[in-house]
Amino acid sequence: MMQSPFIWLGSGRTRKRNVGRKGSLLDRAAKSGLPVPTGGILLDDFYRICLAEGLVEIVDSAVVIPDAGWLHEVLYRDVRFPRLEKPVIVRSAADISDGERDANNMVHLDVDFTDPDQMAFALREVWSALIRLKREQAYDILIMKMVTVRTAGIALSPVDSTKDQVTVRVSAENAVPGGLTMDKIGTFQRTSTDLPAYARRLQKLLRGVRRSFGKYDWRIDWADDGNICWLLQIY
């Protein structure tokens, strides 16, 4: 029997399926209990099946999907992909640097993945960008539910420093403009009372990342909805 070409984040199965670091770290984070949005990885296997069965075609170094409805039916009926009713983010699970050409085409926000046309467009664009980057393998697609964002940004946790560096990209009224530096907290330490609420939640998230993954120069993308500070990506 063919293995499912889909893996839930938090299942711990990415290592056995050779998923790239971006996807495998999120899988491990979810499995360890860190707040990762609900989602999963549509594996390279699915892309290969689509090619073999004619659901997708390659024309002039780009993916063409002749019938979005057919692809939608196969995904939900045959693959039994779970219906994620909320809008999702669709992006490559491969390790793509920000500076690589077409990297921006590998992220699509607010996609209704139950809508055939929106689903087909997002998959087509990400797969086509991977082709243009001449990636021969790892056409894995990361699909996660969108979260409400009040404050969001990037955080760096250097292994040789007692401080975490935070850059705020989306700012609520109480966010520190541009960013801030905050102390790393240990297992039994409380968060810093002089920090805004979102930053205190981020302190806990970064502590969880270090506890789950060990010593390393970690970089994360995060988003805070006013109650939870979500881990969106880890490098």
C-alpha atoms as a PDB file:
ATOM      1  CA  MET A   1       0.000   0.000   0.000  1.00  0.00           C
ATOM      2  CA  MET A   2       1.292   3.472  -0.935  1.00  0.00           C
ATOM      3  CA  GLN A   3       2.195   5.717   1.964  1.00  0.00           C
ATOM      4  CA  SER A   4       0.104   8.841   2.333  1.00  0.00           C
ATOM      5  CA  PRO A   5       1.658  11.810   0.523  1.00  0.00           C
ATOM      6  CA  PHE A   6       0.612  14.065   3.406  1.00  0.00           C
ATOM      7  CA  ILE A   7       2.097  14.483   6.899  1.00  0.00           C
ATOM      8  CA  TRP A   8       0.514  16.343   9.812  1.00  0.00           C
ATOM      9  CA  LEU A   9       2.807  18.767  11.617  1.00  0.00           C
ATOM     10  CA  GLY A  10       3.507  17.236  15.016  1.00  0.00           C
ATOM     11  CA  SER A  11       3.345  13.637  13.814  1.00  0.00           C
ATOM     12  CA  GLY A  12       7.130  13.265  13.959  1.00  0.00           C
ATOM     13  CA  ARG A  13       7.178  11.585  10.544  1.00  0.00           C
ATOM     14  CA  THR A  14       9.137  14.156   8.543  1.00  0.00           C
ATOM     15  CA  ARG A  15      12.537  12.614   9.274  1.00  0.00           C
ATOM     16  CA  LYS A  16      11.503   9.266   7.788  1.00  0.00           C
ATOM     17  CA  ARG A  17      10.126  10.984   4.683  1.00  0.00           C
ATOM     18  CA  ASN A  18      13.248  13.110   4.051  1.00  0.00           C
ATOM     19  CA  VAL A  19      11.463  16.430   4.398  1.00  0.00           C
ATOM     20  CA  GLY A  20      13.732  19.491   4.283  1.00  0.00           C
ATOM     21  CA  ARG A  21      14.927  21.274   7.402  1.00  0.00           C
ATOM     22  CA  LYS A  22      12.263  23.998   7.263  1.00  0.00           C
ATOM     23  CA  GLY A  23       9.425  21.493   7.389  1.00  0.00           C
ATOM     24  CA  SER A  24      11.100  18.994   9.701  1.00  0.00           C
ATOM     25  CA  LEU A  25      11.891  21.636  12.353  1.00  0.00           C
ATOM     26  CA  LEU A  26       8.266  22.770  12.443  1.00  0.00           C
ATOM     27  CA  ASP A  27       7.162  19.142  12.732  1.00  0.00           C
ATOM     28  CA  ARG A  28       9.515  18.620  15.673  1.00  0.00           C
ATOM     29  CA  ALA A  29       8.412  21.899  17.270  1.00  0.00           C
ATOM     30  CA  ALA A  30       4.737  20.925  17.097  1.00  0.00           C
ATOM     31  CA  LYS A  31       5.496  17.452  18.441  1.00  0.00           C
ATOM     32  CA  SER A  32       7.346  18.972  21.415  1.00  0.00           C
ATOM     33  CA  GLY A  33       4.320  21.113  22.285  1.00  0.00           C
ATOM     34  CA  LEU A  34       5.412  24.486  20.945  1.00  0.00           C
ATOM     35  CA  PRO A  35       2.578  26.649  19.530  1.00  0.00           C
ATOM     36  CA  VAL A  36       2.715  25.886  15.794  1.00  0.00           C
ATOM     37  CA  PRO A  37      -0.408  26.607  13.705  1.00  0.00           C
ATOM     38  CA  THR A  38      -2.373  23.551  12.567  1.00  0.00           C
ATOM     39  CA  GLY A  39      -1.163  22.205   9.257  1.00  0.00           C
ATOM     40  CA  GLY A  40       0.977  19.726   7.464  1.00  0.00           C
ATOM     41  CA  ILE A  41       3.192  18.952   4.504  1.00  0.00           C
ATOM     42  CA  LEU A  42       2.006  17.831   1.096  1.00  0.00           C
ATOM     43  CA  LEU A  43       4.963  15.696   0.122  1.00  0.00           C
ATOM     44  CA  ASP A  44       7.102  15.556  -2.978  1.00  0.00           C
ATOM     45  CA  ASP A  45       5.371  12.205  -3.597  1.00  0.00           C
ATOM     46  CA  PHE A  46       2.144  14.043  -4.402  1.00  0.00           C
ATOM     47  CA  TYR A  47       3.880  16.204  -6.996  1.00  0.00           C
ATOM     48  CA  ARG A  48       5.356  13.087  -8.641  1.00  0.00           C
ATOM     49  CA  ILE A  49       1.939  11.390  -8.677  1.00  0.00           C
ATOM     50  CA  CYS A  50       0.401  14.462 -10.302  1.00  0.00           C
ATOM     51  CA  LEU A  51       3.062  14.458 -12.993  1.00  0.00           C
ATOM     52  CA  ALA A  52       2.681  10.755 -13.686  1.00  0.00           C
ATOM     53  CA  GLU A  53      -1.117  10.941 -13.900  1.00  0.00           C
ATOM     54  CA  GLY A  54      -1.271  14.119 -15.983  1.00  0.00           C
ATOM     55  CA  LEU A  55      -2.855  16.276 -13.281  1.00  0.00           C
ATOM     56  CA  VAL A  56       0.020  18.699 -13.761  1.00  0.00           C
ATOM     57  CA  GLU A  57       2.202  19.346 -16.787  1.00  0.00           C
ATOM     58  CA  ILE A  58       5.456  21.225 -17.273  1.00  0.00           C
ATOM     59  CA  VAL A  59       5.435  23.772 -20.098  1.00  0.00           C
ATOM     60  CA  ASP A  60       8.359  26.157 -20.664  1.00  0.00           C
ATOM     61  CA  SER A  61       9.817  25.492 -17.205  1.00  0.00           C
ATOM     62  CA  ALA A  62       6.531  26.176 -15.445  1.00  0.00           C
ATOM     63  CA  VAL A  63       3.785  24.006 -14.002  1.00  0.00           C
ATOM     64  CA  VAL A  64       0.424  24.000 -15.758  1.00  0.00           C
ATOM     65  CA  ILE A  65      -2.666  22.504 -14.132  1.00  0.00           C
ATOM     66  CA  PRO A  66      -5.150  21.647 -16.911  1.00  0.00           C
ATOM     67  CA  ASP A  67      -8.118  20.971 -14.628  1.00  0.00           C
ATOM     68  CA  ALA A  68      -8.179  22.495 -11.140  1.00  0.00           C
ATOM     69  CA  GLY A  69     -11.368  20.612 -10.299  1.00  0.00           C
ATOM     70  CA  TRP A  70      -9.751  17.267 -11.107  1.00  0.00           C
ATOM     71  CA  LEU A  71      -6.723  18.046  -8.912  1.00  0.00           C
ATOM     72  CA  HIS A  72      -9.051  19.173  -6.117  1.00  0.00           C
ATOM     73  CA  GLU A  73     -11.047  15.935  -6.364  1.00  0.00           C
ATOM     74  CA  VAL A  74      -7.938  13.756  -6.269  1.00  0.00           C
ATOM     75  CA  LEU A  75      -6.524  15.650  -3.301  1.00  0.00           C
ATOM     76  CA  TYR A  76      -9.659  15.383  -1.167  1.00  0.00           C
ATOM     77  CA  ARG A  77     -11.186  12.109  -2.378  1.00  0.00           C
ATOM     78  CA  ASP A  78      -8.179   9.918  -3.153  1.00  0.00           C
ATOM     79  CA  VAL A  79      -5.433  11.401  -0.983  1.00  0.00           C
ATOM     80  CA  ARG A  80      -8.001  12.241   1.742  1.00  0.00           C
ATOM     81  CA  PHE A  81      -6.396  15.551   2.485  1.00  0.00           C
ATOM     82  CA  PRO A  82      -8.026  17.129   5.588  1.00  0.00           C
ATOM     83  CA  ARG A  83     -10.292  20.105   4.981  1.00  0.00           C
ATOM     84  CA  LEU A  84      -8.773  23.172   6.588  1.00  0.00           C
ATOM     85  CA  GLU A  85     -11.728  25.533   6.587  1.00  0.00           C
ATOM     86  CA  LYS A  86      -9.783  28.640   7.593  1.00  0.00           C
ATOM     87  CA  PRO A  87      -7.529  30.402   5.058  1.00  0.00           C
ATOM     88  CA  VAL A  88      -4.063  28.885   4.909  1.00  0.00           C
ATOM     89  CA  ILE A  89      -0.534  29.883   4.022  1.00  0.00           C
ATOM     90  CA  VAL A  90       0.993  27.795   1.229  1.00  0.00           C
ATOM     91  CA  ARG A  91       4.759  27.747   0.813  1.00  0.00           C
ATOM     92  CA  SER A  92       7.689  25.536  -0.028  1.00  0.00           C
ATOM     93  CA  ALA A  93       8.978  23.290   2.737  1.00  0.00           C
ATOM     94  CA  ALA A  94      12.395  23.252   1.051  1.00  0.00           C
ATOM     95  CA  ASP A  95      15.296  25.274   2.419  1.00  0.00           C
ATOM     96  CA  ILE A  96      15.093  28.400   0.264  1.00  0.00           C
ATOM     97  CA  SER A  97      17.141  31.448   1.182  1.00  0.00           C
ATOM     98  CA  ASP A  98      15.587  34.908   1.052  1.00  0.00           C
ATOM     99  CA  GLY A  99      18.085  35.952  -1.582  1.00  0.00           C
ATOM    100  CA  GLU A 100      17.325  33.196  -4.054  1.00  0.00           C
ATOM    101  CA  ARG A 101      15.509  34.160  -7.207  1.00  0.00           C
ATOM    102  CA  ASP A 102      11.773  33.395  -7.037  1.00  0.00           C
ATOM    103  CA  ALA A 103      11.884  32.907  -3.267  1.00  0.00           C
ATOM    104  CA  ASN A 104       9.022  35.399  -2.869  1.00  0.00           C
ATOM    105  CA  ASN A 105       6.827  33.306  -5.185  1.00  0.00           C
ATOM    106  CA  MET A 106       6.997  30.440  -2.709  1.00  0.00           C
ATOM    107  CA  VAL A 107       4.732  32.060  -0.133  1.00  0.00           C
ATOM    108  CA  HIS A 108       1.001  32.572  -0.694  1.00  0.00           C
ATOM    109  CA  LEU A 109      -1.226  33.946   2.067  1.00  0.00           C
ATOM    110  CA  ASP A 110      -4.960  33.709   2.759  1.00  0.00           C
ATOM    111  CA  VAL A 111      -5.519  30.777   0.387  1.00  0.00           C
ATOM    112  CA  ASP A 112      -8.881  29.007   0.576  1.00  0.00           C
ATOM    113  CA  PHE A 113      -7.513  25.511   0.039  1.00  0.00           C
ATOM    114  CA  THR A 114     -11.018  24.086  -0.352  1.00  0.00           C
ATOM    115  CA  ASP A 115     -11.515  26.263  -3.457  1.00  0.00           C
ATOM    116  CA  PRO A 116     -10.166  24.436  -6.557  1.00  0.00           C
ATOM    117  CA  ASP A 117      -8.911  27.551  -8.323  1.00  0.00           C
ATOM    118  CA  GLN A 118      -7.163  29.067  -5.292  1.00  0.00           C
ATOM    119  CA  MET A 119      -5.626  25.720  -4.360  1.00  0.00           C
ATOM    120  CA  ALA A 120      -4.388  25.090  -7.916  1.00  0.00           C
ATOM    121  CA  PHE A 121      -2.957  28.605  -8.274  1.00  0.00           C
ATOM    122  CA  ALA A 122      -0.944  28.411  -5.037  1.00  0.00           C
ATOM    123  CA  LEU A 123       0.440  24.947  -5.788  1.00  0.00           C
ATOM    124  CA  ARG A 124       1.254  25.883  -9.378  1.00  0.00           C
ATOM    125  CA  GLU A 125       3.151  29.010  -8.369  1.00  0.00           C
ATOM    126  CA  VAL A 126       5.229  27.290  -5.675  1.00  0.00           C
ATOM    127  CA  TRP A 127       6.060  24.278  -7.854  1.00  0.00           C
ATOM    128  CA  SER A 128       6.945  26.554 -10.793  1.00  0.00           C
ATOM    129  CA  ALA A 129       9.272  28.623  -8.611  1.00  0.00           C
ATOM    130  CA  LEU A 130      11.052  25.434  -7.520  1.00  0.00           C
ATOM    131  CA  ILE A 131      11.475  24.397 -11.151  1.00  0.00           C
ATOM    132  CA  ARG A 132      13.011  27.781 -11.996  1.00  0.00           C
ATOM    133  CA  LEU A 133      15.409  27.321  -9.085  1.00  0.00           C
ATOM    134  CA  LYS A 134      16.360  23.999 -10.699  1.00  0.00           C
ATOM    135  CA  ARG A 135      15.459  21.989  -7.605  1.00  0.00           C
ATOM    136  CA  GLU A 136      15.471  18.360  -8.675  1.00  0.00           C
ATOM    137  CA  GLN A 137      13.917  17.059  -5.462  1.00  0.00           C
ATOM    138  CA  ALA A 138      11.940  18.153  -2.413  1.00  0.00           C
ATOM    139  CA  TYR A 139       8.799  19.587  -3.984  1.00  0.00           C
ATOM    140  CA  ASP A 140       7.223  19.411  -0.529  1.00  0.00           C
ATOM    141  CA  ILE A 141       4.544  22.014   0.195  1.00  0.00           C
ATOM    142  CA  LEU A 142       3.943  23.387   3.693  1.00  0.00           C
ATOM    143  CA  ILE A 143       0.289  24.244   4.402  1.00  0.00           C
ATOM    144  CA  MET A 144      -0.668  25.935   7.694  1.00  0.00           C
ATOM    145  CA  LYS A 145      -3.749  27.721   8.953  1.00  0.00           C
ATOM    146  CA  MET A 146      -3.443  31.494   9.026  1.00  0.00           C
ATOM    147  CA  VAL A 147      -3.465  33.034  12.487  1.00  0.00           C
ATOM    148  CA  THR A 148      -4.759  36.427  13.546  1.00  0.00           C
ATOM    149  CA  VAL A 149      -1.792  38.778  13.727  1.00  0.00           C
ATOM    150  CA  ARG A 150      -1.578  41.744  16.088  1.00  0.00           C
ATOM    151  CA  THR A 151       2.209  41.815  16.403  1.00  0.00           C
ATOM    152  CA  ALA A 152       4.747  39.829  14.400  1.00  0.00           C
ATOM    153  CA  GLY A 153       8.372  39.741  13.396  1.00  0.00           C
ATOM    154  CA  ILE A 154      11.678  37.922  13.606  1.00  0.00           C
ATOM    155  CA  ALA A 155      13.643  36.919  16.695  1.00  0.00           C
ATOM    156  CA  LEU A 156      17.293  35.895  16.909  1.00  0.00           C
ATOM    157  CA  SER A 157      18.602  33.823  19.811  1.00  0.00           C
ATOM    158  CA  PRO A 158      22.423  33.737  19.473  1.00  0.00           C
ATOM    159  CA  VAL A 159      24.065  30.878  21.321  1.00  0.00           C
ATOM    160  CA  ASP A 160      26.910  33.084  22.627  1.00  0.00           C
ATOM    161  CA  SER A 161      24.685  35.825  24.070  1.00  0.00           C
ATOM    162  CA  THR A 162      22.449  36.212  27.117  1.00  0.00           C
ATOM    163  CA  LYS A 163      20.073  38.345  25.038  1.00  0.00           C
ATOM    164  CA  ASP A 164      17.499  37.693  22.318  1.00  0.00           C
ATOM    165  CA  GLN A 165      17.188  40.220  19.498  1.00  0.00           C
ATOM    166  CA  VAL A 166      13.666  40.980  18.271  1.00  0.00           C
ATOM    167  CA  THR A 167      12.601  42.814  15.128  1.00  0.00           C
ATOM    168  CA  VAL A 168       8.947  43.834  14.923  1.00  0.00           C
ATOM    169  CA  ARG A 169       7.510  43.885  11.409  1.00  0.00           C
ATOM    170  CA  VAL A 170       3.793  44.088  12.163  1.00  0.00           C
ATOM    171  CA  SER A 171       3.145  46.397  15.078  1.00  0.00           C
ATOM    172  CA  ALA A 172       0.213  46.720  17.462  1.00  0.00           C
ATOM    173  CA  GLU A 173      -0.129  49.891  19.497  1.00  0.00           C
ATOM    174  CA  ASN A 174       1.904  48.499  22.397  1.00  0.00           C
ATOM    175  CA  ALA A 175       4.750  47.123  20.283  1.00  0.00           C
ATOM    176  CA  VAL A 176       8.231  48.572  20.562  1.00  0.00           C
ATOM    177  CA  PRO A 177       8.880  50.351  17.222  1.00  0.00           C
ATOM    178  CA  GLY A 178      11.511  48.518  15.209  1.00  0.00           C
ATOM    179  CA  GLY A 179      12.361  45.973  17.832  1.00  0.00           C
ATOM    180  CA  LEU A 180      13.903  45.279  21.205  1.00  0.00           C
ATOM    181  CA  THR A 181      16.526  43.325  23.101  1.00  0.00           C
ATOM    182  CA  MET A 182      15.365  41.070  25.905  1.00  0.00           C
ATOM    183  CA  ASP A 183      16.941  38.684  28.369  1.00  0.00           C
ATOM    184  CA  LYS A 184      16.954  34.959  27.739  1.00  0.00           C
ATOM    185  CA  ILE A 185      14.996  33.232  30.469  1.00  0.00           C
ATOM    186  CA  GLY A 186      15.712  29.800  31.889  1.00  0.00           C
ATOM    187  CA  THR A 187      13.379  26.960  32.833  1.00  0.00           C
ATOM    188  CA  PHE A 188      12.283  28.367  36.200  1.00  0.00           C
ATOM    189  CA  GLN A 189      12.597  32.070  35.428  1.00  0.00           C
ATOM    190  CA  ARG A 190       9.615  34.359  35.048  1.00  0.00           C
ATOM    191  CA  THR A 191       9.177  36.640  32.095  1.00  0.00           C
ATOM    192  CA  SER A 192      10.276  40.260  32.401  1.00  0.00           C
ATOM    193  CA  THR A 193       7.469  42.398  33.838  1.00  0.00           C
ATOM    194  CA  ASP A 194       8.749  45.530  32.083  1.00  0.00           C
ATOM    195  CA  LEU A 195       8.062  44.024  28.656  1.00  0.00           C
ATOM    196  CA  PRO A 196       4.799  44.316  26.708  1.00  0.00           C
ATOM    197  CA  ALA A 197       2.538  41.253  26.924  1.00  0.00           C
ATOM    198  CA  TYR A 198       3.399  40.023  23.400  1.00  0.00           C
ATOM    199  CA  ALA A 199       7.140  40.197  24.217  1.00  0.00           C
ATOM    200  CA  ARG A 200       6.653  38.192  27.403  1.00  0.00           C
ATOM    201  CA  ARG A 201       4.893  35.493  25.412  1.00  0.00           C
ATOM    202  CA  LEU A 202       7.736  35.636  22.886  1.00  0.00           C
ATOM    203  CA  GLN A 203      10.251  35.189  25.729  1.00  0.00           C
ATOM    204  CA  LYS A 204       8.480  31.946  26.668  1.00  0.00           C
ATOM    205  CA  LEU A 205       8.412  30.803  23.046  1.00  0.00           C
ATOM    206  CA  LEU A 206      12.150  31.362  22.615  1.00  0.00           C
ATOM    207  CA  ARG A 207      12.826  29.519  25.860  1.00  0.00           C
ATOM    208  CA  GLY A 208      10.784  26.618  24.474  1.00  0.00           C
ATOM    209  CA  VAL A 209      12.753  26.644  21.223  1.00  0.00           C
ATOM    210  CA  ARG A 210      16.067  26.411  23.078  1.00  0.00           C
ATOM    211  CA  ARG A 211      14.724  23.700  25.374  1.00  0.00           C
ATOM    212  CA  SER A 212      13.369  21.648  22.461  1.00  0.00           C
ATOM    213  CA  PHE A 213      16.261  22.057  20.026  1.00  0.00           C
ATOM    214  CA  GLY A 214      19.341  22.790  22.099  1.00  0.00           C
ATOM    215  CA  LYS A 215      22.160  25.285  21.672  1.00  0.00           C
ATOM    216  CA  TYR A 216      22.300  26.962  18.280  1.00  0.00           C
ATOM    217  CA  ASP A 217      21.999  30.404  16.694  1.00  0.00           C
ATOM    218  CA  TRP A 218      18.235  30.143  16.283  1.00  0.00           C
ATOM    219  CA  ARG A 219      16.144  32.483  14.163  1.00  0.00           C
ATOM    220  CA  ILE A 220      12.364  32.298  14.236  1.00  0.00           C
ATOM    221  CA  ASP A 221       9.442  33.988  12.529  1.00  0.00           C
ATOM    222  CA  TRP A 222       6.668  34.617  15.046  1.00  0.00           C
ATOM    223  CA  ALA A 223       3.186  36.119  15.198  1.00  0.00           C
ATOM    224  CA  ASP A 224       1.207  37.089  18.283  1.00  0.00           C
ATOM    225  CA  ASP A 225      -2.613  37.159  18.215  1.00  0.00           C
ATOM    226  CA  GLY A 226      -3.064  38.795  21.606  1.00  0.00           C
ATOM    227  CA  ASN A 227      -3.227  35.483  23.479  1.00  0.00           C
ATOM    228  CA  ILE A 228      -0.680  33.145  21.890  1.00  0.00           C
ATOM    229  CA  CYS A 229       2.721  33.814  20.341  1.00  0.00           C
ATOM    230  CA  TRP A 230       2.881  31.406  17.406  1.00  0.00           C
ATOM    231  CA  LEU A 231       5.978  29.845  15.880  1.00  0.00           C
ATOM    232  CA  LEU A 232       5.668  30.256  12.099  1.00  0.00           C
ATOM    233  CA  GLN A 233       9.144  29.291  10.972  1.00  0.00           C
ATOM    234  CA  ILE A 234      12.440  28.251  12.520  1.00  0.00           C
ATOM    235  CA  TYR A 235      15.914  28.354  10.995  1.00  0.00           C
END
